[in-house]
Amino acid sequence: ASNAIQHLWEGYDLFDFPSEIESMTHLLKTPK
């Protein structure tokens, strides 16, 4: 989940913070 992963460990949602890149987790949690 790119640099967003550290926020997930803290309990936040994947899309609560901007990510450096569109990772595989981002792809699998969007219509893509």
PDB file of all heavy atoms in Angstrom:
ATOM      1  N   ALA A   1       0.816  -1.225   0.000  1.00  0.00           N
ATOM      2  CA  ALA A   1       0.000   0.000   0.000  1.00  0.00           C
ATOM      3  C   ALA A   1       0.842   1.265   0.000  1.00  0.00           C
ATOM      4  O   ALA A   1       0.415   2.302   0.505  1.00  0.00           O
ATOM      5  CB  ALA A   1      -0.934  -0.005   1.206  1.00  0.00           C
ATOM      6  N   SER A   2       2.046   1.200  -0.573  1.00  0.00           N
ATOM      7  CA  SER A   2       2.930   2.351  -0.666  1.00  0.00           C
ATOM      8  C   SER A   2       3.131   2.991   0.707  1.00  0.00           C
ATOM      9  O   SER A   2       3.128   2.301   1.727  1.00  0.00           O
ATOM     10  CB  SER A   2       2.376   3.353  -1.684  1.00  0.00           C
ATOM     11  OG  SER A   2       3.293   4.412  -1.902  1.00  0.00           O
ATOM     12  N   ASN A   3       3.295   4.302   0.749  1.00  0.00           N
ATOM     13  CA  ASN A   3       3.537   4.974   2.028  1.00  0.00           C
ATOM     14  C   ASN A   3       2.275   5.106   2.873  1.00  0.00           C
ATOM     15  O   ASN A   3       2.337   5.533   4.035  1.00  0.00           O
ATOM     16  CB  ASN A   3       4.142   6.362   1.798  1.00  0.00           C
ATOM     17  CG  ASN A   3       3.226   7.263   0.989  1.00  0.00           C
ATOM     18  OD1 ASN A   3       2.704   6.839  -0.042  1.00  0.00           O
ATOM     19  ND2 ASN A   3       3.035   8.492   1.435  1.00  0.00           N
ATOM     20  N   ALA A   4       1.124   4.738   2.327  1.00  0.00           N
ATOM     21  CA  ALA A   4      -0.120   4.771   3.104  1.00  0.00           C
ATOM     22  C   ALA A   4      -0.185   3.647   4.123  1.00  0.00           C
ATOM     23  O   ALA A   4      -1.004   3.681   5.045  1.00  0.00           O
ATOM     24  CB  ALA A   4      -1.322   4.683   2.157  1.00  0.00           C
ATOM     25  N   ILE A   5       0.701   2.670   3.989  1.00  0.00           N
ATOM     26  CA  ILE A   5       0.622   1.484   4.841  1.00  0.00           C
ATOM     27  C   ILE A   5       0.821   1.823   6.313  1.00  0.00           C
ATOM     28  O   ILE A   5       0.182   1.229   7.188  1.00  0.00           O
ATOM     29  CB  ILE A   5       1.643   0.419   4.371  1.00  0.00           C
ATOM     30  CG1 ILE A   5       1.321  -0.943   4.990  1.00  0.00           C
ATOM     31  CG2 ILE A   5       3.067   0.827   4.694  1.00  0.00           C
ATOM     32  CD1 ILE A   5       2.122  -2.075   4.386  1.00  0.00           C
ATOM     33  N   GLN A   6       1.677   2.786   6.606  1.00  0.00           N
ATOM     34  CA  GLN A   6       1.922   3.133   8.001  1.00  0.00           C
ATOM     35  C   GLN A   6       0.673   3.723   8.656  1.00  0.00           C
ATOM     36  O   GLN A   6       0.436   3.539   9.852  1.00  0.00           O
ATOM     37  CB  GLN A   6       3.076   4.127   8.102  1.00  0.00           C
ATOM     38  CG  GLN A   6       2.828   5.468   7.421  1.00  0.00           C
ATOM     39  CD  GLN A   6       4.102   6.278   7.299  1.00  0.00           C
ATOM     40  OE1 GLN A   6       5.130   5.789   6.837  1.00  0.00           O
ATOM     41  NE2 GLN A   6       4.036   7.530   7.717  1.00  0.00           N
ATOM     42  N   HIS A   7      -0.171   4.397   7.871  1.00  0.00           N
ATOM     43  CA  HIS A   7      -1.412   4.942   8.407  1.00  0.00           C
ATOM     44  C   HIS A   7      -2.433   3.832   8.661  1.00  0.00           C
ATOM     45  O   HIS A   7      -3.249   3.935   9.585  1.00  0.00           O
ATOM     46  CB  HIS A   7      -1.978   5.980   7.446  1.00  0.00           C
ATOM     47  CG  HIS A   7      -1.062   7.142   7.196  1.00  0.00           C
ATOM     48  ND1 HIS A   7      -0.636   7.975   8.207  1.00  0.00           N
ATOM     49  CD2 HIS A   7      -0.474   7.593   6.050  1.00  0.00           C
ATOM     50  CE1 HIS A   7       0.175   8.902   7.696  1.00  0.00           C
ATOM     51  NE2 HIS A   7       0.288   8.680   6.400  1.00  0.00           N
ATOM     52  N   LEU A   8      -2.377   2.788   7.852  1.00  0.00           N
ATOM     53  CA  LEU A   8      -3.277   1.656   8.074  1.00  0.00           C
ATOM     54  C   LEU A   8      -2.948   0.971   9.390  1.00  0.00           C
ATOM     55  O   LEU A   8      -3.839   0.530  10.115  1.00  0.00           O
ATOM     56  CB  LEU A   8      -3.166   0.656   6.915  1.00  0.00           C
ATOM     57  CG  LEU A   8      -3.567   1.173   5.533  1.00  0.00           C
ATOM     58  CD1 LEU A   8      -3.411   0.068   4.497  1.00  0.00           C
ATOM     59  CD2 LEU A   8      -4.987   1.691   5.531  1.00  0.00           C
ATOM     60  N   TRP A   9      -1.661   0.880   9.702  1.00  0.00           N
ATOM     61  CA  TRP A   9      -1.250   0.286  10.986  1.00  0.00           C
ATOM     62  C   TRP A   9      -1.781   1.100  12.161  1.00  0.00           C
ATOM     63  O   TRP A   9      -2.001   0.569  13.247  1.00  0.00           O
ATOM     64  CB  TRP A   9       0.274   0.213  11.074  1.00  0.00           C
ATOM     65  CG  TRP A   9       0.890  -0.701  10.065  1.00  0.00           C
ATOM     66  CD1 TRP A   9       0.299  -1.759   9.437  1.00  0.00           C
ATOM     67  CD2 TRP A   9       2.228  -0.637   9.562  1.00  0.00           C
ATOM     68  NE1 TRP A   9       1.175  -2.358   8.566  1.00  0.00           N
ATOM     69  CE2 TRP A   9       2.365  -1.698   8.624  1.00  0.00           C
ATOM     70  CE3 TRP A   9       3.307   0.197   9.798  1.00  0.00           C
ATOM     71  CZ2 TRP A   9       3.557  -1.924   7.938  1.00  0.00           C
ATOM     72  CZ3 TRP A   9       4.492  -0.030   9.122  1.00  0.00           C
ATOM     73  CH2 TRP A   9       4.618  -1.090   8.204  1.00  0.00           C
ATOM     74  N   GLU A  10      -1.994   2.412  11.924  1.00  0.00           N
ATOM     75  CA  GLU A  10      -2.482   3.291  12.994  1.00  0.00           C
ATOM     76  C   GLU A  10      -4.003   3.323  13.060  1.00  0.00           C
ATOM     77  O   GLU A  10      -4.570   4.026  13.901  1.00  0.00           O
ATOM     78  CB  GLU A  10      -1.933   4.704  12.766  1.00  0.00           C
ATOM     79  CG  GLU A  10      -0.407   4.788  12.854  1.00  0.00           C
ATOM     80  CD  GLU A  10       0.146   6.094  12.313  1.00  0.00           C
ATOM     81  OE1 GLU A  10      -0.667   6.907  11.808  1.00  0.00           O
ATOM     82  OE2 GLU A  10       1.377   6.292  12.369  1.00  0.00           O
ATOM     83  N   GLY A  11      -4.662   2.589  12.177  1.00  0.00           N
ATOM     84  CA  GLY A  11      -6.105   2.474  12.246  1.00  0.00           C
ATOM     85  C   GLY A  11      -6.878   3.324  11.268  1.00  0.00           C
ATOM     86  O   GLY A  11      -8.116   3.327  11.285  1.00  0.00           O
ATOM     87  N   TYR A  12      -6.183   4.043  10.389  1.00  0.00           N
ATOM     88  CA  TYR A  12      -6.866   4.890   9.426  1.00  0.00           C
ATOM     89  C   TYR A  12      -7.283   4.098   8.193  1.00  0.00           C
ATOM     90  O   TYR A  12      -6.831   2.972   7.967  1.00  0.00           O
ATOM     91  CB  TYR A  12      -5.960   6.056   9.011  1.00  0.00           C
ATOM     92  CG  TYR A  12      -5.681   7.039  10.118  1.00  0.00           C
ATOM     93  CD1 TYR A  12      -4.504   6.966  10.862  1.00  0.00           C
ATOM     94  CD2 TYR A  12      -6.593   8.044  10.434  1.00  0.00           C
ATOM     95  CE1 TYR A  12      -4.232   7.852  11.890  1.00  0.00           C
ATOM     96  CE2 TYR A  12      -6.340   8.947  11.448  1.00  0.00           C
ATOM     97  CZ  TYR A  12      -5.154   8.851  12.179  1.00  0.00           C
ATOM     98  OH  TYR A  12      -4.895   9.735  13.194  1.00  0.00           O
ATOM     99  N   ASP A  13      -8.115   4.699   7.355  1.00  0.00           N
ATOM    100  CA  ASP A  13      -8.542   4.104   6.091  1.00  0.00           C
ATOM    101  C   ASP A  13      -7.507   4.383   5.008  1.00  0.00           C
ATOM    102  O   ASP A  13      -6.761   5.379   5.091  1.00  0.00           O
ATOM    103  CB  ASP A  13      -9.912   4.661   5.683  1.00  0.00           C
ATOM    104  CG  ASP A  13     -10.426   4.021   4.397  1.00  0.00           C
ATOM    105  OD1 ASP A  13     -10.983   2.905   4.478  1.00  0.00           O
ATOM    106  OD2 ASP A  13     -10.256   4.635   3.328  1.00  0.00           O
ATOM    107  N   LEU A  14      -7.471   3.538   4.016  1.00  0.00           N
ATOM    108  CA  LEU A  14      -6.496   3.666   2.936  1.00  0.00           C
ATOM    109  C   LEU A  14      -6.554   5.026   2.255  1.00  0.00           C
ATOM    110  O   LEU A  14      -5.531   5.603   1.879  1.00  0.00           O
ATOM    111  CB  LEU A  14      -6.728   2.562   1.890  1.00  0.00           C
ATOM    112  CG  LEU A  14      -5.788   2.567   0.687  1.00  0.00           C
ATOM    113  CD1 LEU A  14      -4.369   2.186   1.110  1.00  0.00           C
ATOM    114  CD2 LEU A  14      -6.282   1.588  -0.376  1.00  0.00           C
ATOM    115  N   PHE A  15      -7.749   5.579   2.119  1.00  0.00           N
ATOM    116  CA  PHE A  15      -7.916   6.814   1.358  1.00  0.00           C
ATOM    117  C   PHE A  15      -7.994   8.058   2.239  1.00  0.00           C
ATOM    118  O   PHE A  15      -8.354   9.136   1.776  1.00  0.00           O
ATOM    119  CB  PHE A  15      -9.157   6.697   0.468  1.00  0.00           C
ATOM    120  CG  PHE A  15      -9.062   5.576  -0.530  1.00  0.00           C
ATOM    121  CD1 PHE A  15      -9.676   4.357  -0.283  1.00  0.00           C
ATOM    122  CD2 PHE A  15      -8.323   5.723  -1.693  1.00  0.00           C
ATOM    123  CE1 PHE A  15      -9.580   3.311  -1.194  1.00  0.00           C
ATOM    124  CE2 PHE A  15      -8.210   4.692  -2.608  1.00  0.00           C
ATOM    125  CZ  PHE A  15      -8.843   3.474  -2.359  1.00  0.00           C
ATOM    126  N   ASP A  16      -7.650   7.918   3.521  1.00  0.00           N
ATOM    127  CA  ASP A  16      -7.617   9.075   4.413  1.00  0.00           C
ATOM    128  C   ASP A  16      -6.394   9.950   4.164  1.00  0.00           C
ATOM    129  O   ASP A  16      -6.370  11.119   4.558  1.00  0.00           O
ATOM    130  CB  ASP A  16      -7.615   8.622   5.881  1.00  0.00           C
ATOM    131  CG  ASP A  16      -8.960   8.103   6.336  1.00  0.00           C
ATOM    132  OD1 ASP A  16      -9.967   8.369   5.638  1.00  0.00           O
ATOM    133  OD2 ASP A  16      -9.019   7.423   7.381  1.00  0.00           O
ATOM    134  N   PHE A  17      -5.370   9.371   3.532  1.00  0.00           N
ATOM    135  CA  PHE A  17      -4.132  10.100   3.299  1.00  0.00           C
ATOM    136  C   PHE A  17      -3.692   9.917   1.841  1.00  0.00           C
ATOM    137  O   PHE A  17      -3.938   8.869   1.243  1.00  0.00           O
ATOM    138  CB  PHE A  17      -3.026   9.588   4.230  1.00  0.00           C
ATOM    139  CG  PHE A  17      -3.294   9.814   5.689  1.00  0.00           C
ATOM    140  CD1 PHE A  17      -3.994   8.874   6.432  1.00  0.00           C
ATOM    141  CD2 PHE A  17      -2.851  10.967   6.316  1.00  0.00           C
ATOM    142  CE1 PHE A  17      -4.238   9.072   7.773  1.00  0.00           C
ATOM    143  CE2 PHE A  17      -3.096  11.180   7.660  1.00  0.00           C
ATOM    144  CZ  PHE A  17      -3.791  10.244   8.398  1.00  0.00           C
ATOM    145  N   PRO A  18      -3.041  10.924   1.282  1.00  0.00           N
ATOM    146  CA  PRO A  18      -2.525  10.772  -0.085  1.00  0.00           C
ATOM    147  C   PRO A  18      -1.410   9.740  -0.128  1.00  0.00           C
ATOM    148  O   PRO A  18      -0.627   9.613   0.823  1.00  0.00           O
ATOM    149  CB  PRO A  18      -2.009  12.177  -0.426  1.00  0.00           C
ATOM    150  CG  PRO A  18      -1.715  12.800   0.904  1.00  0.00           C
ATOM    151  CD  PRO A  18      -2.746  12.253   1.846  1.00  0.00           C
ATOM    152  N   SER A  19      -1.347   8.992  -1.205  1.00  0.00           N
ATOM    153  CA  SER A  19      -0.318   7.974  -1.369  1.00  0.00           C
ATOM    154  C   SER A  19       0.666   8.408  -2.440  1.00  0.00           C
ATOM    155  O   SER A  19       0.287   9.045  -3.437  1.00  0.00           O
ATOM    156  CB  SER A  19      -0.971   6.641  -1.767  1.00  0.00           C
ATOM    157  OG  SER A  19       0.009   5.661  -2.005  1.00  0.00           O
ATOM    158  N   GLU A  20       1.926   8.050  -2.239  1.00  0.00           N
ATOM    159  CA  GLU A  20       2.952   8.414  -3.212  1.00  0.00           C
ATOM    160  C   GLU A  20       2.646   7.820  -4.573  1.00  0.00           C
ATOM    161  O   GLU A  20       2.857   8.459  -5.610  1.00  0.00           O
ATOM    162  CB  GLU A  20       4.322   7.935  -2.731  1.00  0.00           C
ATOM    163  CG  GLU A  20       5.452   8.285  -3.689  1.00  0.00           C
ATOM    164  CD  GLU A  20       6.790   7.707  -3.274  1.00  0.00           C
ATOM    165  OE1 GLU A  20       6.818   6.869  -2.348  1.00  0.00           O
ATOM    166  OE2 GLU A  20       7.805   8.094  -3.880  1.00  0.00           O
ATOM    167  N   ILE A  21       2.165   6.583  -4.582  1.00  0.00           N
ATOM    168  CA  ILE A  21       1.818   5.917  -5.834  1.00  0.00           C
ATOM    169  C   ILE A  21       0.495   5.164  -5.666  1.00  0.00           C
ATOM    170  O   ILE A  21       0.045   4.919  -4.549  1.00  0.00           O
ATOM    171  CB  ILE A  21       2.911   4.909  -6.268  1.00  0.00           C
ATOM    172  CG1 ILE A  21       3.133   3.865  -5.166  1.00  0.00           C
ATOM    173  CG2 ILE A  21       4.194   5.608  -6.659  1.00  0.00           C
ATOM    174  CD1 ILE A  21       4.000   2.693  -5.586  1.00  0.00           C
ATOM    175  N   GLU A  22      -0.085   4.808  -6.769  1.00  0.00           N
ATOM    176  CA  GLU A  22      -1.285   3.981  -6.751  1.00  0.00           C
ATOM    177  C   GLU A  22      -0.842   2.522  -6.666  1.00  0.00           C
ATOM    178  O   GLU A  22      -0.401   1.931  -7.647  1.00  0.00           O
ATOM    179  CB  GLU A  22      -2.118   4.230  -8.015  1.00  0.00           C
ATOM    180  CG  GLU A  22      -3.477   3.565  -7.979  1.00  0.00           C
ATOM    181  CD  GLU A  22      -4.315   3.900  -9.201  1.00  0.00           C
ATOM    182  OE1 GLU A  22      -3.743   4.069 -10.302  1.00  0.00           O
ATOM    183  OE2 GLU A  22      -5.547   3.986  -9.069  1.00  0.00           O
ATOM    184  N   SER A  23      -0.941   1.964  -5.480  1.00  0.00           N
ATOM    185  CA  SER A  23      -0.440   0.626  -5.218  1.00  0.00           C
ATOM    186  C   SER A  23      -1.444  -0.446  -5.610  1.00  0.00           C
ATOM    187  O   SER A  23      -2.565  -0.151  -6.033  1.00  0.00           O
ATOM    188  CB  SER A  23      -0.121   0.494  -3.727  1.00  0.00           C
ATOM    189  OG  SER A  23      -1.338   0.476  -2.979  1.00  0.00           O
ATOM    190  N   MET A  24      -1.062  -1.715  -5.399  1.00  0.00           N
ATOM    191  CA  MET A  24      -1.976  -2.826  -5.677  1.00  0.00           C
ATOM    192  C   MET A  24      -3.197  -2.784  -4.772  1.00  0.00           C
ATOM    193  O   MET A  24      -4.311  -3.103  -5.191  1.00  0.00           O
ATOM    194  CB  MET A  24      -1.252  -4.158  -5.523  1.00  0.00           C
ATOM    195  CG  MET A  24      -0.373  -4.522  -6.695  1.00  0.00           C
ATOM    196  SD  MET A  24      -1.281  -4.745  -8.249  1.00  0.00           S
ATOM    197  CE  MET A  24      -2.190  -6.258  -7.912  1.00  0.00           C
ATOM    198  N   THR A  25      -3.011  -2.380  -3.521  1.00  0.00           N
ATOM    199  CA  THR A  25      -4.162  -2.277  -2.624  1.00  0.00           C
ATOM    200  C   THR A  25      -5.122  -1.208  -3.116  1.00  0.00           C
ATOM    201  O   THR A  25      -6.348  -1.395  -3.081  1.00  0.00           O
ATOM    202  CB  THR A  25      -3.699  -1.955  -1.191  1.00  0.00           C
ATOM    203  OG1 THR A  25      -2.810  -2.979  -0.748  1.00  0.00           O
ATOM    204  CG2 THR A  25      -4.883  -1.882  -0.241  1.00  0.00           C
ATOM    205  N   HIS A  26      -4.587  -0.087  -3.588  1.00  0.00           N
ATOM    206  CA  HIS A  26      -5.448   0.957  -4.141  1.00  0.00           C
ATOM    207  C   HIS A  26      -6.244   0.419  -5.332  1.00  0.00           C
ATOM    208  O   HIS A  26      -7.447   0.676  -5.455  1.00  0.00           O
ATOM    209  CB  HIS A  26      -4.610   2.157  -4.579  1.00  0.00           C
ATOM    210  CG  HIS A  26      -4.049   2.964  -3.438  1.00  0.00           C
ATOM    211  ND1 HIS A  26      -2.853   2.655  -2.837  1.00  0.00           N
ATOM    212  CD2 HIS A  26      -4.541   4.049  -2.796  1.00  0.00           C
ATOM    213  CE1 HIS A  26      -2.619   3.527  -1.868  1.00  0.00           C
ATOM    214  NE2 HIS A  26      -3.628   4.388  -1.817  1.00  0.00           N
ATOM    215  N   LEU A  27      -5.576  -0.326  -6.195  1.00  0.00           N
ATOM    216  CA  LEU A  27      -6.260  -0.872  -7.368  1.00  0.00           C
ATOM    217  C   LEU A  27      -7.394  -1.802  -6.965  1.00  0.00           C
ATOM    218  O   LEU A  27      -8.483  -1.779  -7.557  1.00  0.00           O
ATOM    219  CB  LEU A  27      -5.266  -1.623  -8.254  1.00  0.00           C
ATOM    220  CG  LEU A  27      -4.215  -0.774  -8.988  1.00  0.00           C
ATOM    221  CD1 LEU A  27      -3.244  -1.683  -9.737  1.00  0.00           C
ATOM    222  CD2 LEU A  27      -4.867   0.193  -9.954  1.00  0.00           C
ATOM    223  N   LEU A  28      -7.141  -2.630  -5.945  1.00  0.00           N
ATOM    224  CA  LEU A  28      -8.127  -3.631  -5.543  1.00  0.00           C
ATOM    225  C   LEU A  28      -9.248  -3.060  -4.685  1.00  0.00           C
ATOM    226  O   LEU A  28     -10.215  -3.759  -4.384  1.00  0.00           O
ATOM    227  CB  LEU A  28      -7.432  -4.776  -4.805  1.00  0.00           C
ATOM    228  CG  LEU A  28      -6.599  -5.690  -5.700  1.00  0.00           C
ATOM    229  CD1 LEU A  28      -5.749  -6.635  -4.867  1.00  0.00           C
ATOM    230  CD2 LEU A  28      -7.498  -6.489  -6.639  1.00  0.00           C
ATOM    231  N   LYS A  29      -9.130  -1.783  -4.313  1.00  0.00           N
ATOM    232  CA  LYS A  29     -10.199  -1.135  -3.549  1.00  0.00           C
ATOM    233  C   LYS A  29     -10.867  -0.015  -4.333  1.00  0.00           C
ATOM    234  O   LYS A  29     -11.525   0.852  -3.763  1.00  0.00           O
ATOM    235  CB  LYS A  29      -9.639  -0.615  -2.219  1.00  0.00           C
ATOM    236  CG  LYS A  29      -9.232  -1.728  -1.254  1.00  0.00           C
ATOM    237  CD  LYS A  29      -8.990  -1.227   0.150  1.00  0.00           C
ATOM    238  CE  LYS A  29      -8.743  -2.392   1.102  1.00  0.00           C
ATOM    239  NZ  LYS A  29      -8.610  -1.961   2.522  1.00  0.00           N
ATOM    240  N   THR A  30     -10.706  -0.066  -5.655  1.00  0.00           N
ATOM    241  CA  THR A  30     -11.343   0.913  -6.550  1.00  0.00           C
ATOM    242  C   THR A  30     -12.010   0.160  -7.702  1.00  0.00           C
ATOM    243  O   THR A  30     -11.781  -1.045  -7.904  1.00  0.00           O
ATOM    244  CB  THR A  30     -10.304   1.886  -7.130  1.00  0.00           C
ATOM    245  OG1 THR A  30      -9.386   1.145  -7.969  1.00  0.00           O
ATOM    246  CG2 THR A  30      -9.526   2.586  -6.027  1.00  0.00           C
ATOM    247  N   PRO A  31     -12.833   0.846  -8.497  1.00  0.00           N
ATOM    248  CA  PRO A  31     -13.474   0.198  -9.656  1.00  0.00           C
ATOM    249  C   PRO A  31     -12.490  -0.367 -10.679  1.00  0.00           C
ATOM    250  O   PRO A  31     -12.886  -1.159 -11.537  1.00  0.00           O
ATOM    251  CB  PRO A  31     -14.306   1.338 -10.259  1.00  0.00           C
ATOM    252  CG  PRO A  31     -14.601   2.250  -9.115  1.00  0.00           C
ATOM    253  CD  PRO A  31     -13.352   2.212  -8.279  1.00  0.00           C
ATOM    254  N   LYS A  32     -11.215   0.023 -10.589  1.00  0.00           N
ATOM    255  CA  LYS A  32     -10.228  -0.486 -11.542  1.00  0.00           C
ATOM    256  C   LYS A  32     -10.069  -2.004 -11.467  1.00  0.00           C
ATOM    257  O   LYS A  32      -9.573  -2.624 -12.400  1.00  0.00           O
ATOM    258  CB  LYS A  32      -8.873   0.176 -11.305  1.00  0.00           C
ATOM    259  CG  LYS A  32      -8.800   1.627 -11.772  1.00  0.00           C
ATOM    260  CD  LYS A  32      -7.379   2.158 -11.694  1.00  0.00           C
ATOM    261  CE  LYS A  32      -7.284   3.561 -12.245  1.00  0.00           C
ATOM    262  NZ  LYS A  32      -5.894   4.081 -12.233  1.00  0.00           N
TER     263      LYS A  32
END
